[in-house]
Structures are given as C-alpha cells and as structure tokens.
C-alpha cells in the first residue's frame, strides 16, 4: 500500500505474471474464487496485513498449485514528538529534534513552513530555529505523512519596577526605604544592589530595601533559568542640614529681659522651639521662634529646635544687659559765706 502526494491511501494492485509454460489462454483465480481472464486484483487497506492466494489454469485445464503473497498494512506516521531547549536571553535559537510515531522504513523529516526555514533530512534534527510557528512533517517509505504545527515561544523577559517608600527624615540619617516589584521570571532569580554580591535563589515578587541613607539604589535582577536581566533605580533624598542662627537684644533699665529671635534653615518645616537654661534638657516645644530671657537668671541659654520629623538641633545662646549709666558732676569757683541779714 502507498499514499499519494495528497496523503490519501491508495489501493494495492496484485498482478499475476503470464505463465511461460502450459497452453494459452490462461485463467486466474484469487483467494479460491472463480477462474477468469483477469489477472489483476485491487486490494483495499483494511488496517491489517492481508494474505492473497492465487492460481493459474491453462486451456487444457491444467492448474498450478496455490501460491500466496502478503500485503503489509499501511503503518503511517500518526504523530511527531518534538524536543528542544527553551529560548533564553543568552540562547536566542534552539535545536529541535523530531521523532515520528509509527511509519514504515526510513522516515524523512521536513520543515514545510515558514519558507525561510524549509529543509528536510532523515535525522529529524533542525538547528538554529528562532521563536515562531513551524510546520513539521514526517514522511515514511510509503509516502504517507503526518504534519504538526508547533510554536517555539520567545523568552519571557524578567521585569523589575522600583518605588520609593520613604526618604531620609533627618539629614545624615538612614531612614530611607524602597520597594522593587519583580515579575516575569521562570522559577527563581538573583538580585544585586549597586553591583554588590548577588542574593541567589529568590522567589518573592517583592524586594524591600530598608535603613537606607540618601543616595541612588540600582537593583539588577537576573532570571536564573533564562539569564534575562532587568534593572530599576530609586533615588532616596534627604532634607538639608537643620541649622539655626539667633539675634539677641540686650536687657536694659526699661526692659529687664533680652529679646531673642531664632532663624532656622534646612530640615523640614514646621519647627518647634524649647528655650531652656544652659545644659538643661529640652522642655515643652512651642511654635514661637522668639523668647524673652532673663539675664539675671543666666546669661547662657540653649534653644532646642525640632522639625516636622522630630529632627533635633541644639543652639547655644548668650544674652546680657546694657550697662547701667553713671553720672559724675563737679562745680568750680564757688563762694561760701556765713552771716545774717536784717
């Protein structure tokens, strides 16, 4: 049995050779049937091996002994098994190995589409295939074939996105934090921060970085299966240095206290102020940046300044009083006398 170019099963034809002995004309019998002048028999494949018996009889009635032949059933390819390594970011092509299920004799393997990759061989090995959809065909010795379409998937790239969750609250501190969301990895990934040693075998979808000082933080993630990489950068900011200056107007005879005004820069508004005598702990913070301080109690004071994030600055203050003026008077050429007047 055979298949035609359209892969349609074809019937087999059994033809008995014309004898070279005996007396013509001859008659022929298949499978014990009546003798007729027809020496051909059409046999349809029924899915089993078929044994056909035949005899020849000449005009004198002489008959040959029964003979037989076996027509093997069609055992067409019924499937194609495809194996290959997945596409990765470092291996952009792959080698496909095709193996037919069933089929008779030597199997010819083909890529029939796309045309750019059309080729055939008897090994079933097709190197250098890029992502895409291919039609594979396996054809056996009887011309029967099986087609299968298969898509070689492109690699799924790993992704990472960074999000700042907190800036540094006080200048020089390490209260910054960032969160990175990882996706698209096959099984696990590794990551590094600013080029430091990588942490391997990660499977969580979120990377949290905490206790960060101000700066730029670049996280690089690498899929440990596909070797694809991605990066994301988060910048952690910090406020300017909290600093302050003061101006003090001295006490005098009319105003017994010194007027102190504090000017603050940096940090994060709004500010609070606590004025205390020198080397005393901060007291209650108020909103006023001015204070009237008594130099008779102490000429050395401190002001504690607190910003919106409780960053604290202590400023030393020195106050005083104007010197009390003194007057000295003298008289010259004075005349003095003693007597009475009537």
C-alpha atoms as a PDB file:
ATOM      1  CA  UNK A   1       0.000   0.000   0.000  1.00  0.00           C
ATOM      2  CA  UNK A   2       1.053   3.582  -0.633  1.00  0.00           C
ATOM      3  CA  UNK A   3      -0.144   7.128  -0.068  1.00  0.00           C
ATOM      4  CA  UNK A   4      -0.454   9.611  -2.920  1.00  0.00           C
ATOM      5  CA  UNK A   5       1.099  13.125  -2.771  1.00  0.00           C
ATOM      6  CA  UNK A   6      -2.075  14.340  -1.054  1.00  0.00           C
ATOM      7  CA  UNK A   7      -1.539  11.729   1.699  1.00  0.00           C
ATOM      8  CA  UNK A   8      -4.597   9.715   0.559  1.00  0.00           C
ATOM      9  CA  UNK A   9      -4.295   5.952   0.981  1.00  0.00           C
ATOM     10  CA  UNK A  10      -4.038   4.102  -2.315  1.00  0.00           C
ATOM     11  CA  UNK A  11      -5.272   0.584  -3.063  1.00  0.00           C
ATOM     12  CA  UNK A  12      -2.736  -2.117  -3.916  1.00  0.00           C
ATOM     13  CA  UNK A  13      -2.895  -3.983  -7.203  1.00  0.00           C
ATOM     14  CA  UNK A  14      -1.900  -7.650  -7.331  1.00  0.00           C
ATOM     15  CA  UNK A  15      -0.897  -8.758 -10.849  1.00  0.00           C
ATOM     16  CA  UNK A  16      -0.185 -12.393 -11.700  1.00  0.00           C
ATOM     17  CA  UNK A  17       2.557 -12.789 -14.247  1.00  0.00           C
ATOM     18  CA  UNK A  18       1.596 -14.533 -17.526  1.00  0.00           C
ATOM     19  CA  UNK A  19       2.880 -18.094 -17.371  1.00  0.00           C
ATOM     20  CA  UNK A  20       5.658 -19.167 -19.736  1.00  0.00           C
ATOM     21  CA  UNK A  21       4.522 -22.782 -19.718  1.00  0.00           C
ATOM     22  CA  UNK A  22       1.211 -24.509 -20.304  1.00  0.00           C
ATOM     23  CA  UNK A  23      -1.198 -23.690 -23.082  1.00  0.00           C
ATOM     24  CA  UNK A  24      -2.783 -20.304 -23.546  1.00  0.00           C
ATOM     25  CA  UNK A  25      -5.226 -18.807 -22.993  1.00  0.00           C
ATOM     26  CA  UNK A  26      -4.950 -18.713 -19.216  1.00  0.00           C
ATOM     27  CA  UNK A  27      -7.409 -18.002 -16.452  1.00  0.00           C
ATOM     28  CA  UNK A  28      -6.723 -16.726 -12.995  1.00  0.00           C
ATOM     29  CA  UNK A  29      -8.236 -17.221  -9.542  1.00  0.00           C
ATOM     30  CA  UNK A  30      -7.734 -15.118  -6.396  1.00  0.00           C
ATOM     31  CA  UNK A  31      -8.437 -16.366  -2.883  1.00  0.00           C
ATOM     32  CA  UNK A  32     -10.168 -19.539  -4.163  1.00  0.00           C
ATOM     33  CA  UNK A  33     -12.590 -17.656  -6.348  1.00  0.00           C
ATOM     34  CA  UNK A  34     -13.722 -18.446  -9.858  1.00  0.00           C
ATOM     35  CA  UNK A  35     -11.173 -18.531 -12.682  1.00  0.00           C
ATOM     36  CA  UNK A  36     -11.455 -15.560 -15.008  1.00  0.00           C
ATOM     37  CA  UNK A  37      -9.276 -14.000 -17.691  1.00  0.00           C
ATOM     38  CA  UNK A  38      -8.469 -11.144 -15.311  1.00  0.00           C
ATOM     39  CA  UNK A  39      -5.034 -11.488 -13.768  1.00  0.00           C
ATOM     40  CA  UNK A  40      -5.175  -8.363 -11.536  1.00  0.00           C
ATOM     41  CA  UNK A  41      -6.798  -7.814  -8.163  1.00  0.00           C
ATOM     42  CA  UNK A  42      -7.346  -4.482  -6.386  1.00  0.00           C
ATOM     43  CA  UNK A  43      -6.859  -4.705  -2.616  1.00  0.00           C
ATOM     44  CA  UNK A  44      -8.051  -2.019  -0.194  1.00  0.00           C
ATOM     45  CA  UNK A  45      -6.127  -1.452   3.023  1.00  0.00           C
ATOM     46  CA  UNK A  46      -8.246  -2.580   5.969  1.00  0.00           C
ATOM     47  CA  UNK A  47      -5.732  -1.871   8.691  1.00  0.00           C
ATOM     48  CA  UNK A  48      -4.339  -5.428   8.824  1.00  0.00           C
ATOM     49  CA  UNK A  49      -1.764  -7.420   6.881  1.00  0.00           C
ATOM     50  CA  UNK A  50      -3.587  -9.242   4.072  1.00  0.00           C
ATOM     51  CA  UNK A  51      -2.539 -12.567   2.526  1.00  0.00           C
ATOM     52  CA  UNK A  52      -3.711 -13.077  -1.052  1.00  0.00           C
ATOM     53  CA  UNK A  53      -3.704 -16.605  -2.572  1.00  0.00           C
ATOM     54  CA  UNK A  54      -3.844 -17.195  -6.339  1.00  0.00           C
ATOM     55  CA  UNK A  55      -3.769 -19.928  -9.033  1.00  0.00           C
ATOM     56  CA  UNK A  56      -3.450 -20.128 -12.813  1.00  0.00           C
ATOM     57  CA  UNK A  57      -5.264 -22.566 -15.135  1.00  0.00           C
ATOM     58  CA  UNK A  58      -4.412 -23.099 -18.827  1.00  0.00           C
ATOM     59  CA  UNK A  59      -6.698 -24.032 -21.704  1.00  0.00           C
ATOM     60  CA  UNK A  60      -6.128 -27.738 -21.122  1.00  0.00           C
ATOM     61  CA  UNK A  61      -7.411 -27.479 -17.563  1.00  0.00           C
ATOM     62  CA  UNK A  62      -4.016 -27.781 -16.004  1.00  0.00           C
ATOM     63  CA  UNK A  63      -3.880 -25.776 -12.746  1.00  0.00           C
ATOM     64  CA  UNK A  64      -0.918 -24.512 -10.795  1.00  0.00           C
ATOM     65  CA  UNK A  65      -0.551 -25.177  -7.130  1.00  0.00           C
ATOM     66  CA  UNK A  66      -1.958 -22.379  -4.955  1.00  0.00           C
ATOM     67  CA  UNK A  67       0.536 -19.644  -4.110  1.00  0.00           C
ATOM     68  CA  UNK A  68       0.225 -16.609  -1.877  1.00  0.00           C
ATOM     69  CA  UNK A  69       1.687 -13.231  -1.092  1.00  0.00           C
ATOM     70  CA  UNK A  70       1.270 -10.877   1.855  1.00  0.00           C
ATOM     71  CA  UNK A  71       0.481  -7.202   1.530  1.00  0.00           C
ATOM     72  CA  UNK A  72       1.508  -5.373   4.656  1.00  0.00           C
ATOM     73  CA  UNK A  73      -0.907  -2.878   6.106  1.00  0.00           C
ATOM     74  CA  UNK A  74      -0.182   0.813   5.949  1.00  0.00           C
ATOM     75  CA  UNK A  75       1.513   1.931   9.211  1.00  0.00           C
ATOM     76  CA  UNK A  76       1.503   5.644   8.541  1.00  0.00           C
ATOM     77  CA  UNK A  77       3.064   8.179  10.915  1.00  0.00           C
ATOM     78  CA  UNK A  78       0.442   9.222  13.458  1.00  0.00           C
ATOM     79  CA  UNK A  79       2.306  11.841  15.458  1.00  0.00           C
ATOM     80  CA  UNK A  80       5.587  13.702  15.777  1.00  0.00           C
ATOM     81  CA  UNK A  81       7.330  14.206  19.119  1.00  0.00           C
ATOM     82  CA  UNK A  82       9.354  17.422  19.297  1.00  0.00           C
ATOM     83  CA  UNK A  83      12.029  18.125  21.906  1.00  0.00           C
ATOM     84  CA  UNK A  84      14.194  21.229  22.294  1.00  0.00           C
ATOM     85  CA  UNK A  85      15.637  23.629  24.824  1.00  0.00           C
ATOM     86  CA  UNK A  86      13.685  26.777  25.524  1.00  0.00           C
ATOM     87  CA  UNK A  87      14.826  30.095  24.097  1.00  0.00           C
ATOM     88  CA  UNK A  88      16.734  32.192  26.631  1.00  0.00           C
ATOM     89  CA  UNK A  89      18.290  35.631  26.658  1.00  0.00           C
ATOM     90  CA  UNK A  90      21.689  34.033  26.061  1.00  0.00           C
ATOM     91  CA  UNK A  91      20.495  31.316  23.631  1.00  0.00           C
ATOM     92  CA  UNK A  92      18.426  33.107  21.014  1.00  0.00           C
ATOM     93  CA  UNK A  93      17.981  29.997  18.825  1.00  0.00           C
ATOM     94  CA  UNK A  94      17.298  26.359  19.602  1.00  0.00           C
ATOM     95  CA  UNK A  95      17.738  22.899  18.044  1.00  0.00           C
ATOM     96  CA  UNK A  96      14.547  20.904  17.539  1.00  0.00           C
ATOM     97  CA  UNK A  97      14.654  17.094  17.441  1.00  0.00           C
ATOM     98  CA  UNK A  98      11.690  15.430  15.723  1.00  0.00           C
ATOM     99  CA  UNK A  99      10.720  11.781  16.249  1.00  0.00           C
ATOM    100  CA  UNK A 100       7.849  10.180  14.313  1.00  0.00           C
ATOM    101  CA  UNK A 101       5.361   7.878  15.988  1.00  0.00           C
ATOM    102  CA  UNK A 102       4.835   4.871  13.669  1.00  0.00           C
ATOM    103  CA  UNK A 103       5.755   4.938   9.988  1.00  0.00           C
ATOM    104  CA  UNK A 104       7.383   2.370   7.707  1.00  0.00           C
ATOM    105  CA  UNK A 105      11.015   2.311   6.664  1.00  0.00           C
ATOM    106  CA  UNK A 106      13.207   5.370   6.615  1.00  0.00           C
ATOM    107  CA  UNK A 107      11.400   8.485   7.817  1.00  0.00           C
ATOM    108  CA  UNK A 108      12.050  11.795   6.101  1.00  0.00           C
ATOM    109  CA  UNK A 109      11.563  14.871   8.271  1.00  0.00           C
ATOM    110  CA  UNK A 110      10.784  18.318   6.888  1.00  0.00           C
ATOM    111  CA  UNK A 111      10.043  21.853   7.900  1.00  0.00           C
ATOM    112  CA  UNK A 112       7.469  22.861   5.305  1.00  0.00           C
ATOM    113  CA  UNK A 113       6.865  26.372   6.614  1.00  0.00           C
ATOM    114  CA  UNK A 114       7.883  29.084   7.034  1.00  0.00           C
ATOM    115  CA  UNK A 115       9.629  29.034   3.678  1.00  0.00           C
ATOM    116  CA  UNK A 116      12.753  30.692   5.075  1.00  0.00           C
ATOM    117  CA  UNK A 117      13.380  27.615   7.244  1.00  0.00           C
ATOM    118  CA  UNK A 118      12.177  24.938   4.792  1.00  0.00           C
ATOM    119  CA  UNK A 119      14.524  21.955   4.842  1.00  0.00           C
ATOM    120  CA  UNK A 120      14.456  18.154   5.078  1.00  0.00           C
ATOM    121  CA  UNK A 121      16.599  15.322   6.450  1.00  0.00           C
ATOM    122  CA  UNK A 122      16.362  11.799   7.812  1.00  0.00           C
ATOM    123  CA  UNK A 123      17.773  12.630  11.250  1.00  0.00           C
ATOM    124  CA  UNK A 124      14.946  14.841  12.448  1.00  0.00           C
ATOM    125  CA  UNK A 125      17.419  17.413  13.804  1.00  0.00           C
ATOM    126  CA  UNK A 126      16.787  21.059  12.949  1.00  0.00           C
ATOM    127  CA  UNK A 127      19.304  23.522  14.456  1.00  0.00           C
ATOM    128  CA  UNK A 128      19.210  27.312  14.554  1.00  0.00           C
ATOM    129  CA  UNK A 129      15.466  27.826  14.907  1.00  0.00           C
ATOM    130  CA  UNK A 130      14.257  31.169  16.207  1.00  0.00           C
ATOM    131  CA  UNK A 131      10.964  31.800  18.004  1.00  0.00           C
ATOM    132  CA  UNK A 132       7.982  31.324  15.716  1.00  0.00           C
ATOM    133  CA  UNK A 133       5.460  28.802  14.413  1.00  0.00           C
ATOM    134  CA  UNK A 134       6.741  25.927  12.283  1.00  0.00           C
ATOM    135  CA  UNK A 135       5.056  23.082  10.379  1.00  0.00           C
ATOM    136  CA  UNK A 136       6.923  19.801  10.768  1.00  0.00           C
ATOM    137  CA  UNK A 137       6.253  16.790   8.514  1.00  0.00           C
ATOM    138  CA  UNK A 138       7.311  13.142   8.837  1.00  0.00           C
ATOM    139  CA  UNK A 139       7.004  11.020   5.677  1.00  0.00           C
ATOM    140  CA  UNK A 140       7.566   7.246   5.674  1.00  0.00           C
ATOM    141  CA  UNK A 141       8.743   4.933   2.919  1.00  0.00           C
ATOM    142  CA  UNK A 142       5.159   4.506   1.663  1.00  0.00           C
ATOM    143  CA  UNK A 143       4.795   8.218   1.066  1.00  0.00           C
ATOM    144  CA  UNK A 144       2.375   8.615   3.975  1.00  0.00           C
ATOM    145  CA  UNK A 145       2.990  11.629   6.149  1.00  0.00           C
ATOM    146  CA  UNK A 146       1.898  13.401   9.307  1.00  0.00           C
ATOM    147  CA  UNK A 147       2.027  17.158   9.872  1.00  0.00           C
ATOM    148  CA  UNK A 148       2.184  19.048  13.136  1.00  0.00           C
ATOM    149  CA  UNK A 149       2.326  22.791  13.701  1.00  0.00           C
ATOM    150  CA  UNK A 150       4.317  23.923  16.719  1.00  0.00           C
ATOM    151  CA  UNK A 151       5.203  27.315  18.146  1.00  0.00           C
ATOM    152  CA  UNK A 152       8.613  27.881  19.664  1.00  0.00           C
ATOM    153  CA  UNK A 153       7.905  30.530  22.249  1.00  0.00           C
ATOM    154  CA  UNK A 154      10.092  33.531  22.719  1.00  0.00           C
ATOM    155  CA  UNK A 155      11.633  34.046  26.116  1.00  0.00           C
ATOM    156  CA  UNK A 156       9.534  35.896  28.685  1.00  0.00           C
ATOM    157  CA  UNK A 157      11.723  38.736  29.981  1.00  0.00           C
ATOM    158  CA  UNK A 158      12.102  39.310  33.696  1.00  0.00           C
ATOM    159  CA  UNK A 159      10.878  42.718  34.867  1.00  0.00           C
ATOM    160  CA  UNK A 160      11.564  44.916  37.866  1.00  0.00           C
ATOM    161  CA  UNK A 161       9.987  48.213  38.900  1.00  0.00           C
ATOM    162  CA  UNK A 162      11.226  50.380  41.759  1.00  0.00           C
ATOM    163  CA  UNK A 163       9.178  52.551  44.084  1.00  0.00           C
ATOM    164  CA  UNK A 164      10.432  54.836  46.839  1.00  0.00           C
ATOM    165  CA  UNK A 165       8.522  54.225  50.058  1.00  0.00           C
ATOM    166  CA  UNK A 166      10.359  56.725  52.281  1.00  0.00           C
ATOM    167  CA  UNK A 167      13.009  59.408  52.026  1.00  0.00           C
ATOM    168  CA  UNK A 168      15.539  60.004  54.786  1.00  0.00           C
ATOM    169  CA  UNK A 169      13.815  62.029  57.514  1.00  0.00           C
ATOM    170  CA  UNK A 170      16.826  63.715  59.116  1.00  0.00           C
ATOM    171  CA  UNK A 171      19.920  64.792  57.251  1.00  0.00           C
ATOM    172  CA  UNK A 172      22.639  62.162  57.599  1.00  0.00           C
ATOM    173  CA  UNK A 173      20.187  59.514  58.776  1.00  0.00           C
ATOM    174  CA  UNK A 174      19.301  56.129  57.296  1.00  0.00           C
ATOM    175  CA  UNK A 175      15.528  56.017  57.419  1.00  0.00           C
ATOM    176  CA  UNK A 176      15.057  55.739  53.639  1.00  0.00           C
ATOM    177  CA  UNK A 177      13.340  52.720  52.106  1.00  0.00           C
ATOM    178  CA  UNK A 178      12.453  51.408  48.661  1.00  0.00           C
ATOM    179  CA  UNK A 179      10.433  48.535  47.232  1.00  0.00           C
ATOM    180  CA  UNK A 180      11.094  46.702  43.964  1.00  0.00           C
ATOM    181  CA  UNK A 181       8.467  44.520  42.276  1.00  0.00           C
ATOM    182  CA  UNK A 182       9.808  41.596  40.240  1.00  0.00           C
ATOM    183  CA  UNK A 183       7.845  39.703  37.589  1.00  0.00           C
ATOM    184  CA  UNK A 184       8.240  37.500  34.527  1.00  0.00           C
ATOM    185  CA  UNK A 185      10.841  35.123  35.990  1.00  0.00           C
ATOM    186  CA  UNK A 186      10.623  31.402  35.224  1.00  0.00           C
ATOM    187  CA  UNK A 187      11.401  29.785  38.575  1.00  0.00           C
ATOM    188  CA  UNK A 188      13.792  31.917  40.596  1.00  0.00           C
ATOM    189  CA  UNK A 189      16.043  34.919  40.247  1.00  0.00           C
ATOM    190  CA  UNK A 190      19.036  36.582  41.838  1.00  0.00           C
ATOM    191  CA  UNK A 191      19.495  40.267  42.521  1.00  0.00           C
ATOM    192  CA  UNK A 192      22.213  42.706  43.469  1.00  0.00           C
ATOM    193  CA  UNK A 193      22.111  46.264  44.767  1.00  0.00           C
ATOM    194  CA  UNK A 194      24.539  48.788  43.281  1.00  0.00           C
ATOM    195  CA  UNK A 195      26.744  45.984  41.998  1.00  0.00           C
ATOM    196  CA  UNK A 196      27.226  44.251  45.346  1.00  0.00           C
ATOM    197  CA  UNK A 197      27.261  40.460  45.723  1.00  0.00           C
ATOM    198  CA  UNK A 198      24.056  38.923  44.406  1.00  0.00           C
ATOM    199  CA  UNK A 199      21.472  37.133  46.514  1.00  0.00           C
ATOM    200  CA  UNK A 200      20.506  33.928  44.703  1.00  0.00           C
ATOM    201  CA  UNK A 201      17.502  31.638  44.666  1.00  0.00           C
ATOM    202  CA  UNK A 202      14.906  34.369  45.169  1.00  0.00           C
ATOM    203  CA  UNK A 203      11.238  33.624  44.508  1.00  0.00           C
ATOM    204  CA  UNK A 204       9.430  36.523  46.201  1.00  0.00           C
ATOM    205  CA  UNK A 205       7.783  39.067  43.927  1.00  0.00           C
ATOM    206  CA  UNK A 206       8.854  41.981  46.144  1.00  0.00           C
ATOM    207  CA  UNK A 207      12.297  43.156  47.269  1.00  0.00           C
ATOM    208  CA  UNK A 208      12.287  45.548  50.233  1.00  0.00           C
ATOM    209  CA  UNK A 209      15.325  47.725  50.981  1.00  0.00           C
ATOM    210  CA  UNK A 210      15.246  49.490  54.344  1.00  0.00           C
ATOM    211  CA  UNK A 211      17.512  51.599  56.573  1.00  0.00           C
ATOM    212  CA  UNK A 212      18.885  53.441  53.564  1.00  0.00           C
ATOM    213  CA  UNK A 213      20.882  56.664  53.714  1.00  0.00           C
ATOM    214  CA  UNK A 214      20.379  59.177  50.925  1.00  0.00           C
ATOM    215  CA  UNK A 215      21.614  58.034  47.546  1.00  0.00           C
ATOM    216  CA  UNK A 216      20.817  56.155  44.352  1.00  0.00           C
ATOM    217  CA  UNK A 217      19.962  52.442  44.577  1.00  0.00           C
ATOM    218  CA  UNK A 218      20.022  50.331  41.421  1.00  0.00           C
ATOM    219  CA  UNK A 219      18.679  46.795  41.711  1.00  0.00           C
ATOM    220  CA  UNK A 220      19.615  44.338  38.953  1.00  0.00           C
ATOM    221  CA  UNK A 221      17.586  41.122  38.724  1.00  0.00           C
ATOM    222  CA  UNK A 222      18.630  38.059  36.705  1.00  0.00           C
ATOM    223  CA  UNK A 223      16.344  35.150  35.842  1.00  0.00           C
ATOM    224  CA  UNK A 224      18.286  32.055  36.894  1.00  0.00           C
ATOM    225  CA  UNK A 225      16.612  29.995  34.125  1.00  0.00           C
ATOM    226  CA  UNK A 226      16.635  32.334  31.132  1.00  0.00           C
ATOM    227  CA  UNK A 227      19.555  34.593  32.151  1.00  0.00           C
ATOM    228  CA  UNK A 228      17.429  37.631  31.275  1.00  0.00           C
ATOM    229  CA  UNK A 229      18.216  40.733  33.303  1.00  0.00           C
ATOM    230  CA  UNK A 230      16.437  43.949  34.207  1.00  0.00           C
ATOM    231  CA  UNK A 231      17.286  46.950  36.363  1.00  0.00           C
ATOM    232  CA  UNK A 232      15.430  49.634  38.268  1.00  0.00           C
ATOM    233  CA  UNK A 233      16.789  52.656  40.132  1.00  0.00           C
ATOM    234  CA  UNK A 234      15.301  54.520  43.072  1.00  0.00           C
ATOM    235  CA  UNK A 235      16.749  57.788  44.419  1.00  0.00           C
ATOM    236  CA  UNK A 236      16.467  58.391  48.173  1.00  0.00           C
ATOM    237  CA  UNK A 237      16.567  62.066  49.150  1.00  0.00           C
ATOM    238  CA  UNK A 238      17.247  63.775  52.459  1.00  0.00           C
ATOM    239  CA  UNK A 239      16.452  67.246  53.788  1.00  0.00           C
ATOM    240  CA  UNK A 240      19.132  69.896  54.079  1.00  0.00           C
ATOM    241  CA  UNK A 241      21.072  70.098  57.302  1.00  0.00           C
ATOM    242  CA  UNK A 242      18.990  71.575  60.102  1.00  0.00           C
ATOM    243  CA  UNK A 243      20.768  74.756  61.177  1.00  0.00           C
ATOM    244  CA  UNK A 244      19.901  77.962  63.049  1.00  0.00           C
ATOM    245  CA  UNK A 245      21.174  81.395  63.986  1.00  0.00           C
ATOM    246  CA  UNK A 246      19.905  83.838  66.587  1.00  0.00           C
ATOM    247  CA  UNK A 247      19.773  87.525  67.278  1.00  0.00           C
ATOM    248  CA  UNK A 248      19.643  88.798  70.887  1.00  0.00           C
ATOM    249  CA  UNK A 249      18.649  92.312  72.017  1.00  0.00           C
ATOM    250  CA  UNK A 250      20.095  93.027  75.462  1.00  0.00           C
ATOM    251  CA  UNK A 251      18.030  93.790  78.504  1.00  0.00           C
ATOM    252  CA  UNK A 252      18.083  97.383  79.802  1.00  0.00           C
ATOM    253  CA  UNK A 253      16.640  99.592  82.523  1.00  0.00           C
ATOM    254  CA  UNK A 254      13.261  99.651  80.866  1.00  0.00           C
ATOM    255  CA  UNK A 255      13.136  96.035  79.580  1.00  0.00           C
ATOM    256  CA  UNK A 256      14.504  93.587  82.085  1.00  0.00           C
ATOM    257  CA  UNK A 257      14.720  90.638  79.623  1.00  0.00           C
ATOM    258  CA  UNK A 258      16.749  90.026  76.489  1.00  0.00           C
ATOM    259  CA  UNK A 259      14.710  89.524  73.292  1.00  0.00           C
ATOM    260  CA  UNK A 260      15.988  86.512  71.339  1.00  0.00           C
ATOM    261  CA  UNK A 261      14.884  85.678  67.766  1.00  0.00           C
ATOM    262  CA  UNK A 262      15.877  82.353  66.192  1.00  0.00           C
ATOM    263  CA  UNK A 263      16.085  81.835  62.417  1.00  0.00           C
ATOM    264  CA  UNK A 264      16.048  78.233  61.143  1.00  0.00           C
ATOM    265  CA  UNK A 265      17.052  76.774  57.770  1.00  0.00           C
ATOM    266  CA  UNK A 266      17.070  73.197  56.499  1.00  0.00           C
ATOM    267  CA  UNK A 267      15.219  70.273  57.964  1.00  0.00           C
ATOM    268  CA  UNK A 268      11.511  70.012  57.288  1.00  0.00           C
ATOM    269  CA  UNK A 269       9.072  72.719  58.431  1.00  0.00           C
ATOM    270  CA  UNK A 270       7.087  73.220  60.661  1.00  0.00           C
ATOM    271  CA  UNK A 271       9.524  73.871  63.535  1.00  0.00           C
ATOM    272  CA  UNK A 272       9.100  73.762  67.289  1.00  0.00           C
ATOM    273  CA  UNK A 273      11.236  75.594  69.872  1.00  0.00           C
ATOM    274  CA  UNK A 274      12.161  74.988  73.504  1.00  0.00           C
ATOM    275  CA  UNK A 275      14.211  77.660  75.345  1.00  0.00           C
ATOM    276  CA  UNK A 276      15.963  76.404  78.497  1.00  0.00           C
ATOM    277  CA  UNK A 277      18.851  77.468  80.690  1.00  0.00           C
ATOM    278  CA  UNK A 278      22.251  76.214  79.694  1.00  0.00           C
ATOM    279  CA  UNK A 279      22.764  72.426  79.710  1.00  0.00           C
ATOM    280  CA  UNK A 280      19.188  71.659  80.696  1.00  0.00           C
ATOM    281  CA  UNK A 281      17.147  69.093  78.787  1.00  0.00           C
ATOM    282  CA  UNK A 282      14.535  70.280  76.329  1.00  0.00           C
ATOM    283  CA  UNK A 283      11.189  71.165  77.746  1.00  0.00           C
ATOM    284  CA  UNK A 284       7.878  71.622  76.005  1.00  0.00           C
ATOM    285  CA  UNK A 285       8.211  72.689  72.384  1.00  0.00           C
ATOM    286  CA  UNK A 286       6.241  75.690  71.204  1.00  0.00           C
ATOM    287  CA  UNK A 287       5.705  77.330  67.868  1.00  0.00           C
ATOM    288  CA  UNK A 288       7.321  80.682  68.716  1.00  0.00           C
ATOM    289  CA  UNK A 289      10.839  81.311  67.474  1.00  0.00           C
ATOM    290  CA  UNK A 290      11.233  84.265  69.838  1.00  0.00           C
ATOM    291  CA  UNK A 291      11.733  84.384  73.602  1.00  0.00           C
ATOM    292  CA  UNK A 292      12.365  86.953  76.338  1.00  0.00           C
ATOM    293  CA  UNK A 293      15.140  85.587  78.532  1.00  0.00           C
ATOM    294  CA  UNK A 294      16.213  86.921  81.917  1.00  0.00           C
ATOM    295  CA  UNK A 295      19.960  87.547  82.086  1.00  0.00           C
ATOM    296  CA  UNK A 296      19.781  87.825  85.885  1.00  0.00           C
ATOM    297  CA  UNK A 297      18.926  84.126  85.953  1.00  0.00           C
ATOM    298  CA  UNK A 298      21.531  83.037  83.442  1.00  0.00           C
ATOM    299  CA  UNK A 299      23.389  84.602  80.579  1.00  0.00           C
ATOM    300  CA  UNK A 300      23.899  81.231  78.857  1.00  0.00           C
ATOM    301  CA  UNK A 301      20.807  79.591  77.390  1.00  0.00           C
ATOM    302  CA  UNK A 302      20.007  76.792  74.945  1.00  0.00           C
ATOM    303  CA  UNK A 303      17.244  76.563  72.365  1.00  0.00           C
ATOM    304  CA  UNK A 304      16.216  73.157  71.122  1.00  0.00           C
ATOM    305  CA  UNK A 305      14.738  73.169  67.626  1.00  0.00           C
ATOM    306  CA  UNK A 306      12.582  70.310  66.378  1.00  0.00           C
ATOM    307  CA  UNK A 307      11.416  69.959  62.752  1.00  0.00           C
ATOM    308  CA  UNK A 308       8.343  68.144  61.374  1.00  0.00           C
ATOM    309  CA  UNK A 309      10.143  64.769  61.569  1.00  0.00           C
ATOM    310  CA  UNK A 310      11.465  65.267  65.107  1.00  0.00           C
ATOM    311  CA  UNK A 311      14.969  66.038  63.959  1.00  0.00           C
ATOM    312  CA  UNK A 312      16.588  67.945  66.861  1.00  0.00           C
ATOM    313  CA  UNK A 313      19.143  70.765  66.854  1.00  0.00           C
ATOM    314  CA  UNK A 314      20.533  72.486  69.967  1.00  0.00           C
ATOM    315  CA  UNK A 315      21.743  76.091  69.627  1.00  0.00           C
ATOM    316  CA  UNK A 316      23.761  77.847  72.330  1.00  0.00           C
ATOM    317  CA  UNK A 317      22.602  81.366  73.131  1.00  0.00           C
ATOM    318  CA  UNK A 318      24.423  84.075  75.082  1.00  0.00           C
ATOM    319  CA  UNK A 319      22.476  87.071  76.371  1.00  0.00           C
ATOM    320  CA  UNK A 320      23.256  90.116  78.501  1.00  0.00           C
ATOM    321  CA  UNK A 321      22.068  93.527  79.678  1.00  0.00           C
ATOM    322  CA  UNK A 322      23.109  97.030  78.832  1.00  0.00           C
ATOM    323  CA  UNK A 323      25.483  98.609  81.366  1.00  0.00           C
ATOM    324  CA  UNK A 324      23.640 100.978  83.791  1.00  0.00           C
ATOM    325  CA  UNK A 325      24.920 104.522  83.128  1.00  0.00           C
ATOM    326  CA  UNK A 326      26.519 106.576  85.964  1.00  0.00           C
ATOM    327  CA  UNK A 327      26.932 110.426  86.192  1.00  0.00           C
ATOM    328  CA  UNK A 328      29.696 112.332  87.986  1.00  0.00           C
ATOM    329  CA  UNK A 329      29.232 116.181  88.478  1.00  0.00           C
ATOM    330  CA  UNK A 330      31.677 118.840  89.793  1.00  0.00           C
ATOM    331  CA  UNK A 331      31.469 122.666  90.402  1.00  0.00           C
ATOM    332  CA  UNK A 332      34.326 125.208  90.298  1.00  0.00           C
ATOM    333  CA  UNK A 333      34.767 128.757  91.790  1.00  0.00           C
ATOM    334  CA  UNK A 334      32.071 128.503  94.389  1.00  0.00           C
ATOM    335  CA  UNK A 335      31.757 131.277  97.066  1.00  0.00           C
ATOM    336  CA  UNK A 336      30.686 130.393 100.565  1.00  0.00           C
ATOM    337  CA  UNK A 337      29.808 132.798 103.380  1.00  0.00           C
ATOM    338  CA  UNK A 338      28.263 132.911 106.830  1.00  0.00           C
ATOM    339  CA  UNK A 339      26.271 135.796 108.273  1.00  0.00           C
ATOM    340  CA  UNK A 340      22.895 137.341 108.965  1.00  0.00           C
ATOM    341  CA  UNK A 341      20.699 139.699 107.097  1.00  0.00           C
ATOM    342  CA  UNK A 342      18.369 142.337 108.680  1.00  0.00           C
END
